[in-house]
Amino acid sequence: MTATRLDHIVLWVSDPVAAAHFYEKAVGLEPVRLAEFAAGEAPFPSVRVSEETILDLMPRSKADRMTMLPGAADSSGHPVNHVCLSLSADAFDALLDRLQEQEVPVSDIAHDSFGARGPAKRSFYFRDPDGNIFEARHYD
């Protein structure tokens, strides 16, 4: 199997600073380039999912400038169904606690849903303030 890895996912957000704060406080992800974005020195901030993967928090106001591919501007807000975060059991519980402390609605806990590593022990879904849907899961 090749060593392909996920580098980043771009999420359209209405307020990148507020989104970064949500991902830091509620999800526990470290902001990247937030100060640079706030100072006008970076086009968008990100949050770190892992050593190799980040979520870019792209301002929806820049959608009309996405010309790298025909129709890119029209993709703002869709068609991604959800992004799944795989965590250890302890990190899963900590995320659930943080989301509940921040009063972020979460789905019921599901068991044995299939993913990249087979059936997950537990999983649940939540939305960020811009409506992007995330699944959190852990395996044995």
Foldseek 3Di string as FASTA:
>chain_A
DDPDDEQEAEAEDQDQLVLQVCCCQQVNWAKACSVCVVVVNDQFIWTDLDPRYIYTHHYLVCLVVPPPDPCSSVQHPDDDPAAEREDAPVSLVVNVVRCVVVVWDKADWDAQDQDPVGGFGIKIWTAGPRGHIYMYTYHD
